[in-house]
C-alpha atoms as a PDB file:
ATOM      1  CA  UNK A   1      81.173 127.753  85.918  1.00  0.00           C
ATOM      2  CA  UNK A   2      82.342 124.430  87.331  1.00  0.00           C
ATOM      3  CA  UNK A   3      83.255 124.827  90.988  1.00  0.00           C
ATOM      4  CA  UNK A   4      82.884 121.137  91.809  1.00  0.00           C
ATOM      5  CA  UNK A   5      81.848 117.908  90.115  1.00  0.00           C
ATOM      6  CA  UNK A   6      78.698 116.125  91.210  1.00  0.00           C
ATOM      7  CA  UNK A   7      78.948 112.438  90.238  1.00  0.00           C
ATOM      8  CA  UNK A   8      75.174 111.987  90.043  1.00  0.00           C
ATOM      9  CA  UNK A   9      75.412 109.685  87.029  1.00  0.00           C
ATOM     10  CA  UNK A  10      77.839 107.342  88.812  1.00  0.00           C
ATOM     11  CA  UNK A  11      75.786 107.358  92.019  1.00  0.00           C
ATOM     12  CA  UNK A  12      72.611 106.558  90.121  1.00  0.00           C
ATOM     13  CA  UNK A  13      74.188 103.738  88.121  1.00  0.00           C
ATOM     14  CA  UNK A  14      75.791 102.241  91.228  1.00  0.00           C
ATOM     15  CA  UNK A  15      72.458 102.336  93.044  1.00  0.00           C
ATOM     16  CA  UNK A  16      70.533 100.750  90.164  1.00  0.00           C
ATOM     17  CA  UNK A  17      73.019  98.101  89.000  1.00  0.00           C
ATOM     18  CA  UNK A  18      74.684  97.181  92.309  1.00  0.00           C
ATOM     19  CA  UNK A  19      71.727  97.302  94.682  1.00  0.00           C
ATOM     20  CA  UNK A  20      68.273  97.885  93.169  1.00  0.00           C
ATOM     21  CA  UNK A  21      68.291  95.202  90.471  1.00  0.00           C
ATOM     22  CA  UNK A  22      70.257  92.505  92.409  1.00  0.00           C
ATOM     23  CA  UNK A  23      68.263  92.972  95.629  1.00  0.00           C
ATOM     24  CA  UNK A  24      64.773  93.809  94.372  1.00  0.00           C
ATOM     25  CA  UNK A  25      64.853  92.065  90.994  1.00  0.00           C
ATOM     26  CA  UNK A  26      62.480  89.330  92.177  1.00  0.00           C
ATOM     27  CA  UNK A  27      60.034  91.891  93.535  1.00  0.00           C
ATOM     28  CA  UNK A  28      59.900  93.754  90.225  1.00  0.00           C
ATOM     29  CA  UNK A  29      59.494  90.469  88.365  1.00  0.00           C
ATOM     30  CA  UNK A  30      56.483  89.613  90.539  1.00  0.00           C
ATOM     31  CA  UNK A  31      54.940  93.028  89.839  1.00  0.00           C
ATOM     32  CA  UNK A  32      55.616  92.536  86.137  1.00  0.00           C
ATOM     33  CA  UNK A  33      53.811  89.188  86.176  1.00  0.00           C
ATOM     34  CA  UNK A  34      50.783  90.682  87.919  1.00  0.00           C
ATOM     35  CA  UNK A  35      50.535  93.624  85.526  1.00  0.00           C
ATOM     36  CA  UNK A  36      51.079  91.358  82.530  1.00  0.00           C
ATOM     37  CA  UNK A  37      48.232  89.129  83.726  1.00  0.00           C
ATOM     38  CA  UNK A  38      45.876  92.103  83.914  1.00  0.00           C
ATOM     39  CA  UNK A  39      46.909  93.555  80.548  1.00  0.00           C
ATOM     40  CA  UNK A  40      46.681  90.239  78.730  1.00  0.00           C
ATOM     41  CA  UNK A  41      43.314  89.534  80.319  1.00  0.00           C
ATOM     42  CA  UNK A  42      41.840  92.887  79.323  1.00  0.00           C
ATOM     43  CA  UNK A  43      43.394  92.712  75.841  1.00  0.00           C
ATOM     44  CA  UNK A  44      42.023  89.185  75.329  1.00  0.00           C
ATOM     45  CA  UNK A  45      38.544  90.356  76.299  1.00  0.00           C
ATOM     46  CA  UNK A  46      38.628  93.389  74.011  1.00  0.00           C
ATOM     47  CA  UNK A  47      39.943  91.408  71.048  1.00  0.00           C
ATOM     48  CA  UNK A  48      37.638  88.428  71.750  1.00  0.00           C
ATOM     49  CA  UNK A  49      34.500  90.563  71.611  1.00  0.00           C
ATOM     50  CA  UNK A  50      33.411  90.808  67.958  1.00  0.00           C
ATOM     51  CA  UNK A  51      34.103  94.262  66.501  1.00  0.00           C
ATOM     52  CA  UNK A  52      30.401  94.698  65.688  1.00  0.00           C
ATOM     53  CA  UNK A  53      29.398  94.049  69.314  1.00  0.00           C
ATOM     54  CA  UNK A  54      32.138  96.296  70.703  1.00  0.00           C
ATOM     55  CA  UNK A  55      31.121  99.031  68.260  1.00  0.00           C
ATOM     56  CA  UNK A  56      27.503  98.835  69.406  1.00  0.00           C
ATOM     57  CA  UNK A  57      28.620  99.023  73.045  1.00  0.00           C
ATOM     58  CA  UNK A  58      30.707 102.140  72.373  1.00  0.00           C
ATOM     59  CA  UNK A  59      27.931 103.783  70.355  1.00  0.00           C
ATOM     60  CA  UNK A  60      25.308 103.096  73.032  1.00  0.00           C
ATOM     61  CA  UNK A  61      27.613 104.390  75.768  1.00  0.00           C
ATOM     62  CA  UNK A  62      28.261 107.534  73.746  1.00  0.00           C
ATOM     63  CA  UNK A  63      24.551 108.077  73.121  1.00  0.00           C
ATOM     64  CA  UNK A  64      23.597 107.454  76.744  1.00  0.00           C
ATOM     65  CA  UNK A  65      26.363 109.520  78.345  1.00  0.00           C
ATOM     66  CA  UNK A  66      27.315 112.168  75.778  1.00  0.00           C
ATOM     67  CA  UNK A  67      24.411 112.595  73.376  1.00  0.00           C
ATOM     68  CA  UNK A  68      23.433 111.851  69.816  1.00  0.00           C
ATOM     69  CA  UNK A  69      26.216 113.880  68.179  1.00  0.00           C
ATOM     70  CA  UNK A  70      28.954 111.949  69.980  1.00  0.00           C
ATOM     71  CA  UNK A  71      27.185 108.683  69.139  1.00  0.00           C
ATOM     72  CA  UNK A  72      27.273 109.624  65.442  1.00  0.00           C
ATOM     73  CA  UNK A  73      30.981 110.473  65.721  1.00  0.00           C
ATOM     74  CA  UNK A  74      31.591 107.144  67.468  1.00  0.00           C
ATOM     75  CA  UNK A  75      29.810 105.350  64.625  1.00  0.00           C
ATOM     76  CA  UNK A  76      32.024 107.098  62.074  1.00  0.00           C
ATOM     77  CA  UNK A  77      35.109 106.467  64.222  1.00  0.00           C
ATOM     78  CA  UNK A  78      34.584 102.711  64.568  1.00  0.00           C
ATOM     79  CA  UNK A  79      33.939 102.465  60.824  1.00  0.00           C
ATOM     80  CA  UNK A  80      37.224 104.287  60.234  1.00  0.00           C
ATOM     81  CA  UNK A  81      39.172 101.952  62.553  1.00  0.00           C
ATOM     82  CA  UNK A  82      37.732  98.946  60.755  1.00  0.00           C
ATOM     83  CA  UNK A  83      38.227 100.323  57.257  1.00  0.00           C
ATOM     84  CA  UNK A  84      41.965 100.931  57.768  1.00  0.00           C
ATOM     85  CA  UNK A  85      42.526  97.592  59.562  1.00  0.00           C
ATOM     86  CA  UNK A  86      43.332  99.210  62.903  1.00  0.00           C
ATOM     87  CA  UNK A  87      40.595  97.664  65.013  1.00  0.00           C
ATOM     88  CA  UNK A  88      42.821  95.152  66.813  1.00  0.00           C
ATOM     89  CA  UNK A  89      45.527  97.769  67.370  1.00  0.00           C
ATOM     90  CA  UNK A  90      42.899 100.122  68.790  1.00  0.00           C
ATOM     91  CA  UNK A  91      41.722  97.434  71.213  1.00  0.00           C
ATOM     92  CA  UNK A  92      45.301  96.747  72.345  1.00  0.00           C
ATOM     93  CA  UNK A  93      45.855 100.461  72.928  1.00  0.00           C
ATOM     94  CA  UNK A  94      42.553 100.629  74.781  1.00  0.00           C
ATOM     95  CA  UNK A  95      43.658  97.722  76.996  1.00  0.00           C
ATOM     96  CA  UNK A  96      46.896  99.505  77.971  1.00  0.00           C
ATOM     97  CA  UNK A  97      45.010 102.744  78.639  1.00  0.00           C
ATOM     98  CA  UNK A  98      42.322 100.992  80.704  1.00  0.00           C
ATOM     99  CA  UNK A  99      44.823  99.117  82.890  1.00  0.00           C
ATOM    100  CA  UNK A 100      47.057 102.175  83.401  1.00  0.00           C
ATOM    101  CA  UNK A 101      44.013 104.337  84.197  1.00  0.00           C
ATOM    102  CA  UNK A 102      42.665 101.778  86.675  1.00  0.00           C
ATOM    103  CA  UNK A 103      45.997 101.753  88.510  1.00  0.00           C
ATOM    104  CA  UNK A 104      46.016 105.574  88.456  1.00  0.00           C
ATOM    105  CA  UNK A 105      42.499 105.681  89.933  1.00  0.00           C
ATOM    106  CA  UNK A 106      43.180 103.011  92.563  1.00  0.00           C
ATOM    107  CA  UNK A 107      46.274 104.861  93.787  1.00  0.00           C
ATOM    108  CA  UNK A 108      45.572 108.462  92.756  1.00  0.00           C
ATOM    109  CA  UNK A 109      42.046 108.994  94.106  1.00  0.00           C
ATOM    110  CA  UNK A 110      42.700 107.692  97.668  1.00  0.00           C
ATOM    111  CA  UNK A 111      46.001 109.596  97.736  1.00  0.00           C
ATOM    112  CA  UNK A 112      44.181 112.753  96.660  1.00  0.00           C
ATOM    113  CA  UNK A 113      41.608 112.281  99.433  1.00  0.00           C
ATOM    114  CA  UNK A 114      44.321 111.766 102.053  1.00  0.00           C
ATOM    115  CA  UNK A 115      46.317 114.781 100.861  1.00  0.00           C
ATOM    116  CA  UNK A 116      43.158 116.929 101.040  1.00  0.00           C
ATOM    117  CA  UNK A 117      42.712 115.941 104.684  1.00  0.00           C
ATOM    118  CA  UNK A 118      46.369 116.222 105.714  1.00  0.00           C
ATOM    119  CA  UNK A 119      48.440 119.344 105.074  1.00  0.00           C
ATOM    120  CA  UNK A 120      51.613 117.441 105.951  1.00  0.00           C
ATOM    121  CA  UNK A 121      50.939 114.743 103.374  1.00  0.00           C
ATOM    122  CA  UNK A 122      49.964 117.386 100.828  1.00  0.00           C
ATOM    123  CA  UNK A 123      53.314 119.137 101.278  1.00  0.00           C
ATOM    124  CA  UNK A 124      55.078 115.806 100.689  1.00  0.00           C
ATOM    125  CA  UNK A 125      52.957 114.719  97.714  1.00  0.00           C
ATOM    126  CA  UNK A 126      52.909 118.014  95.829  1.00  0.00           C
ATOM    127  CA  UNK A 127      56.634 118.163  94.879  1.00  0.00           C
ATOM    128  CA  UNK A 128      56.514 114.485  93.916  1.00  0.00           C
ATOM    129  CA  UNK A 129      53.615 115.219  91.545  1.00  0.00           C
ATOM    130  CA  UNK A 130      55.514 118.226  90.165  1.00  0.00           C
ATOM    131  CA  UNK A 131      58.479 115.945  89.492  1.00  0.00           C
ATOM    132  CA  UNK A 132      56.280 113.341  87.781  1.00  0.00           C
ATOM    133  CA  UNK A 133      54.649 115.955  85.546  1.00  0.00           C
ATOM    134  CA  UNK A 134      57.729 117.947  84.588  1.00  0.00           C
ATOM    135  CA  UNK A 135      60.224 115.116  84.055  1.00  0.00           C
ATOM    136  CA  UNK A 136      60.418 114.424  80.300  1.00  0.00           C
ATOM    137  CA  UNK A 137      58.331 111.384  79.449  1.00  0.00           C
ATOM    138  CA  UNK A 138      61.234 109.735  77.604  1.00  0.00           C
ATOM    139  CA  UNK A 139      63.142 109.583  80.889  1.00  0.00           C
ATOM    140  CA  UNK A 140      60.502 107.226  82.305  1.00  0.00           C
ATOM    141  CA  UNK A 141      61.383 104.685  79.655  1.00  0.00           C
ATOM    142  CA  UNK A 142      64.931 104.035  80.900  1.00  0.00           C
ATOM    143  CA  UNK A 143      64.114 102.681  84.391  1.00  0.00           C
ATOM    144  CA  UNK A 144      60.976 101.002  83.009  1.00  0.00           C
ATOM    145  CA  UNK A 145      63.097  98.986  80.560  1.00  0.00           C
ATOM    146  CA  UNK A 146      65.736  98.159  83.186  1.00  0.00           C
ATOM    147  CA  UNK A 147      63.242  96.951  85.780  1.00  0.00           C
ATOM    148  CA  UNK A 148      60.499  95.419  83.625  1.00  0.00           C
ATOM    149  CA  UNK A 149      62.081  94.678  80.237  1.00  0.00           C
ATOM    150  CA  UNK A 150      60.326  95.397  76.943  1.00  0.00           C
ATOM    151  CA  UNK A 151      56.635  95.099  76.148  1.00  0.00           C
ATOM    152  CA  UNK A 152      53.331  96.197  77.540  1.00  0.00           C
ATOM    153  CA  UNK A 153      54.350  96.086  81.235  1.00  0.00           C
ATOM    154  CA  UNK A 154      56.902  98.934  81.140  1.00  0.00           C
ATOM    155  CA  UNK A 155      54.466 100.781  78.898  1.00  0.00           C
ATOM    156  CA  UNK A 156      51.788 100.599  81.599  1.00  0.00           C
ATOM    157  CA  UNK A 157      54.268 101.604  84.310  1.00  0.00           C
ATOM    158  CA  UNK A 158      55.557 104.644  82.400  1.00  0.00           C
ATOM    159  CA  UNK A 159      52.004 105.607  81.411  1.00  0.00           C
ATOM    160  CA  UNK A 160      50.896 105.285  85.036  1.00  0.00           C
ATOM    161  CA  UNK A 161      53.686 107.591  86.238  1.00  0.00           C
ATOM    162  CA  UNK A 162      52.910 110.142  83.530  1.00  0.00           C
ATOM    163  CA  UNK A 163      49.116 110.087  83.895  1.00  0.00           C
ATOM    164  CA  UNK A 164      48.502 109.772  87.654  1.00  0.00           C
ATOM    165  CA  UNK A 165      49.156 113.377  88.844  1.00  0.00           C
ATOM    166  CA  UNK A 166      45.871 114.844  87.495  1.00  0.00           C
ATOM    167  CA  UNK A 167      43.868 112.198  89.365  1.00  0.00           C
ATOM    168  CA  UNK A 168      45.629 113.083  92.625  1.00  0.00           C
ATOM    169  CA  UNK A 169      45.479 116.855  92.160  1.00  0.00           C
ATOM    170  CA  UNK A 170      41.857 117.025  91.007  1.00  0.00           C
ATOM    171  CA  UNK A 171      40.670 114.689  93.776  1.00  0.00           C
ATOM    172  CA  UNK A 172      42.423 116.758  96.414  1.00  0.00           C
ATOM    173  CA  UNK A 173      41.002 119.962  94.920  1.00  0.00           C
ATOM    174  CA  UNK A 174      37.502 118.470  94.747  1.00  0.00           C
ATOM    175  CA  UNK A 175      37.499 117.458  98.422  1.00  0.00           C
ATOM    176  CA  UNK A 176      38.861 120.847  99.496  1.00  0.00           C
ATOM    177  CA  UNK A 177      36.186 122.703  97.494  1.00  0.00           C
ATOM    178  CA  UNK A 178      33.229 121.004  99.201  1.00  0.00           C
ATOM    179  CA  UNK A 179      31.262 123.898 100.775  1.00  0.00           C
ATOM    180  CA  UNK A 180      32.160 124.409 104.430  1.00  0.00           C
ATOM    181  CA  UNK A 181      28.526 124.819 105.463  1.00  0.00           C
ATOM    182  CA  UNK A 182      27.739 121.301 104.193  1.00  0.00           C
ATOM    183  CA  UNK A 183      30.648 119.889 106.176  1.00  0.00           C
ATOM    184  CA  UNK A 184      29.578 121.766 109.313  1.00  0.00           C
ATOM    185  CA  UNK A 185      25.991 120.591 108.922  1.00  0.00           C
ATOM    186  CA  UNK A 186      27.153 116.981 108.627  1.00  0.00           C
ATOM    187  CA  UNK A 187      29.286 117.396 111.755  1.00  0.00           C
ATOM    188  CA  UNK A 188      26.335 118.901 113.609  1.00  0.00           C
ATOM    189  CA  UNK A 189      24.296 115.790 112.824  1.00  0.00           C
ATOM    190  CA  UNK A 190      27.035 113.619 114.302  1.00  0.00           C
ATOM    191  CA  UNK A 191      28.539 112.205 111.111  1.00  0.00           C
ATOM    192  CA  UNK A 192      31.727 110.209 111.463  1.00  0.00           C
ATOM    193  CA  UNK A 193      34.711 110.957 109.236  1.00  0.00           C
ATOM    194  CA  UNK A 194      33.812 108.005 106.992  1.00  0.00           C
ATOM    195  CA  UNK A 195      30.167 109.108 106.739  1.00  0.00           C
ATOM    196  CA  UNK A 196      31.320 112.644 106.012  1.00  0.00           C
ATOM    197  CA  UNK A 197      33.490 111.390 103.181  1.00  0.00           C
ATOM    198  CA  UNK A 198      31.087 108.904 101.587  1.00  0.00           C
ATOM    199  CA  UNK A 199      27.793 110.760 102.037  1.00  0.00           C
ATOM    200  CA  UNK A 200      28.793 114.422 101.782  1.00  0.00           C
ATOM    201  CA  UNK A 201      32.222 115.108 100.317  1.00  0.00           C
ATOM    202  CA  UNK A 202      32.539 112.439  97.608  1.00  0.00           C
ATOM    203  CA  UNK A 203      29.034 112.930  96.105  1.00  0.00           C
ATOM    204  CA  UNK A 204      29.711 116.665  95.788  1.00  0.00           C
ATOM    205  CA  UNK A 205      33.256 116.123  94.514  1.00  0.00           C
ATOM    206  CA  UNK A 206      32.458 113.474  91.867  1.00  0.00           C
ATOM    207  CA  UNK A 207      32.264 115.882  88.850  1.00  0.00           C
ATOM    208  CA  UNK A 208      35.692 117.348  89.608  1.00  0.00           C
ATOM    209  CA  UNK A 209      37.173 113.915  90.328  1.00  0.00           C
ATOM    210  CA  UNK A 210      35.788 112.683  86.987  1.00  0.00           C
ATOM    211  CA  UNK A 211      37.452 115.658  85.284  1.00  0.00           C
ATOM    212  CA  UNK A 212      40.754 114.481  86.769  1.00  0.00           C
ATOM    213  CA  UNK A 213      40.121 110.926  85.568  1.00  0.00           C
ATOM    214  CA  UNK A 214      39.305 112.316  82.128  1.00  0.00           C
ATOM    215  CA  UNK A 215      42.668 114.091  82.042  1.00  0.00           C
ATOM    216  CA  UNK A 216      44.372 110.902  83.216  1.00  0.00           C
ATOM    217  CA  UNK A 217      42.871 108.991  80.273  1.00  0.00           C
ATOM    218  CA  UNK A 218      43.951 111.680  77.812  1.00  0.00           C
ATOM    219  CA  UNK A 219      47.511 111.678  79.153  1.00  0.00           C
ATOM    220  CA  UNK A 220      47.579 107.883  79.013  1.00  0.00           C
ATOM    221  CA  UNK A 221      46.596 108.001  75.343  1.00  0.00           C
ATOM    222  CA  UNK A 222      49.194 110.670  74.660  1.00  0.00           C
ATOM    223  CA  UNK A 223      51.842 108.172  75.822  1.00  0.00           C
ATOM    224  CA  UNK A 224      50.760 105.611  73.196  1.00  0.00           C
ATOM    225  CA  UNK A 225      53.411 106.556  70.634  1.00  0.00           C
ATOM    226  CA  UNK A 226      56.183 107.033  73.209  1.00  0.00           C
ATOM    227  CA  UNK A 227      55.345 103.729  74.916  1.00  0.00           C
ATOM    228  CA  UNK A 228      55.501 101.955  71.563  1.00  0.00           C
ATOM    229  CA  UNK A 229      59.249 102.631  71.574  1.00  0.00           C
ATOM    230  CA  UNK A 230      59.605 100.091  74.369  1.00  0.00           C
ATOM    231  CA  UNK A 231      57.361  97.482  72.805  1.00  0.00           C
ATOM    232  CA  UNK A 232      53.838  98.618  73.697  1.00  0.00           C
ATOM    233  CA  UNK A 233      51.359  97.150  71.207  1.00  0.00           C
ATOM    234  CA  UNK A 234      48.607  99.102  69.510  1.00  0.00           C
ATOM    235  CA  UNK A 235      48.134 102.278  67.532  1.00  0.00           C
ATOM    236  CA  UNK A 236      51.396 103.800  68.739  1.00  0.00           C
ATOM    237  CA  UNK A 237      53.364 101.064  67.003  1.00  0.00           C
ATOM    238  CA  UNK A 238      51.645 101.984  63.727  1.00  0.00           C
ATOM    239  CA  UNK A 239      52.666 105.615  64.120  1.00  0.00           C
ATOM    240  CA  UNK A 240      56.195 104.571  65.101  1.00  0.00           C
ATOM    241  CA  UNK A 241      56.419 102.378  61.989  1.00  0.00           C
ATOM    242  CA  UNK A 242      55.388 105.375  59.896  1.00  0.00           C
ATOM    243  CA  UNK A 243      58.064 107.514  61.529  1.00  0.00           C
ATOM    244  CA  UNK A 244      60.751 104.854  61.109  1.00  0.00           C
ATOM    245  CA  UNK A 245      60.001 104.365  57.409  1.00  0.00           C
ATOM    246  CA  UNK A 246      59.185 108.041  56.725  1.00  0.00           C
ATOM    247  CA  UNK A 247      55.765 106.844  55.588  1.00  0.00           C
ATOM    248  CA  UNK A 248      53.528 109.900  55.965  1.00  0.00           C
ATOM    249  CA  UNK A 249      50.373 108.001  55.070  1.00  0.00           C
ATOM    250  CA  UNK A 250      50.952 105.252  57.621  1.00  0.00           C
ATOM    251  CA  UNK A 251      51.708 107.806  60.306  1.00  0.00           C
ATOM    252  CA  UNK A 252      48.526 109.719  59.469  1.00  0.00           C
ATOM    253  CA  UNK A 253      46.423 106.549  59.544  1.00  0.00           C
ATOM    254  CA  UNK A 254      47.732 105.572  62.987  1.00  0.00           C
ATOM    255  CA  UNK A 255      47.585 109.129  64.300  1.00  0.00           C
ATOM    256  CA  UNK A 256      43.948 109.543  63.275  1.00  0.00           C
ATOM    257  CA  UNK A 257      43.182 106.246  64.999  1.00  0.00           C
ATOM    258  CA  UNK A 258      44.581 107.640  68.268  1.00  0.00           C
ATOM    259  CA  UNK A 259      42.585 110.845  67.783  1.00  0.00           C
ATOM    260  CA  UNK A 260      39.358 108.892  67.208  1.00  0.00           C
ATOM    261  CA  UNK A 261      39.914 106.766  70.300  1.00  0.00           C
ATOM    262  CA  UNK A 262      40.853 109.817  72.373  1.00  0.00           C
ATOM    263  CA  UNK A 263      37.744 111.800  71.410  1.00  0.00           C
ATOM    264  CA  UNK A 264      35.418 108.859  72.080  1.00  0.00           C
ATOM    265  CA  UNK A 265      36.905 108.201  75.530  1.00  0.00           C
ATOM    266  CA  UNK A 266      37.033 111.921  76.313  1.00  0.00           C
ATOM    267  CA  UNK A 267      33.350 112.494  75.537  1.00  0.00           C
ATOM    268  CA  UNK A 268      32.214 109.341  77.338  1.00  0.00           C
ATOM    269  CA  UNK A 269      34.114 110.189  80.547  1.00  0.00           C
ATOM    270  CA  UNK A 270      32.974 113.818  80.377  1.00  0.00           C
ATOM    271  CA  UNK A 271      29.389 112.656  80.039  1.00  0.00           C
ATOM    272  CA  UNK A 272      29.848 110.233  82.937  1.00  0.00           C
ATOM    273  CA  UNK A 273      31.082 113.085  85.127  1.00  0.00           C
ATOM    274  CA  UNK A 274      28.136 115.317  84.169  1.00  0.00           C
ATOM    275  CA  UNK A 275      25.638 112.532  84.869  1.00  0.00           C
ATOM    276  CA  UNK A 276      26.923 112.439  88.428  1.00  0.00           C
END
């Protein structure tokens, strides 16, 4: 059933190669330099800290926020990462996840708050989030490579696009679910919109917002292997090497490293949300 031909491919290529890259190439290069600065800085810190010190930090965080059982798992997990020589790769993956998650929080949480307060903005944002979540993750890699080249920068960009929707959705849901009687009481006492947000809505909404951030971190980690295809360093590159060489053992070693890191971050962020 081909009633007419839609030259979407040609239109897209003309837009990208004849206008977007020639006109905005310098802008994307500046963004790439900024993101690269952040990633390299965080990665340098994580790899500069001695593994023993970083392990103690993770174990203490797990114990304080998630309990003794998670602390024991963290102890076993860091021993595993060290025993299979994946500690540095784990820190590089953690750096990418941290930077991508920070960008997701900085943009996603305020956007979620605004969409909760504006039905018009919510109607605009919702289909965009649907598009971001349903578009196959491999498709993100094409424009990321074209605009930012290979390496950790396009990896952060593609991870950000893939992982931001939960932060926006859960923040919007959290603000909307604040009990109406609390909002009315705050209004009755003469609270301004800013006071209402900071002293009533956000404190009540923090657990749900943290659940969204937790999902953002998990989605960011799930992109580790895919992002390694465009040069992202870390555990994903180990798994990709195992796939490329049909080395089941290497793939298992790298995959378990991602699982260990994911569970540790998941339990710590869950505990942080419950503490609030």
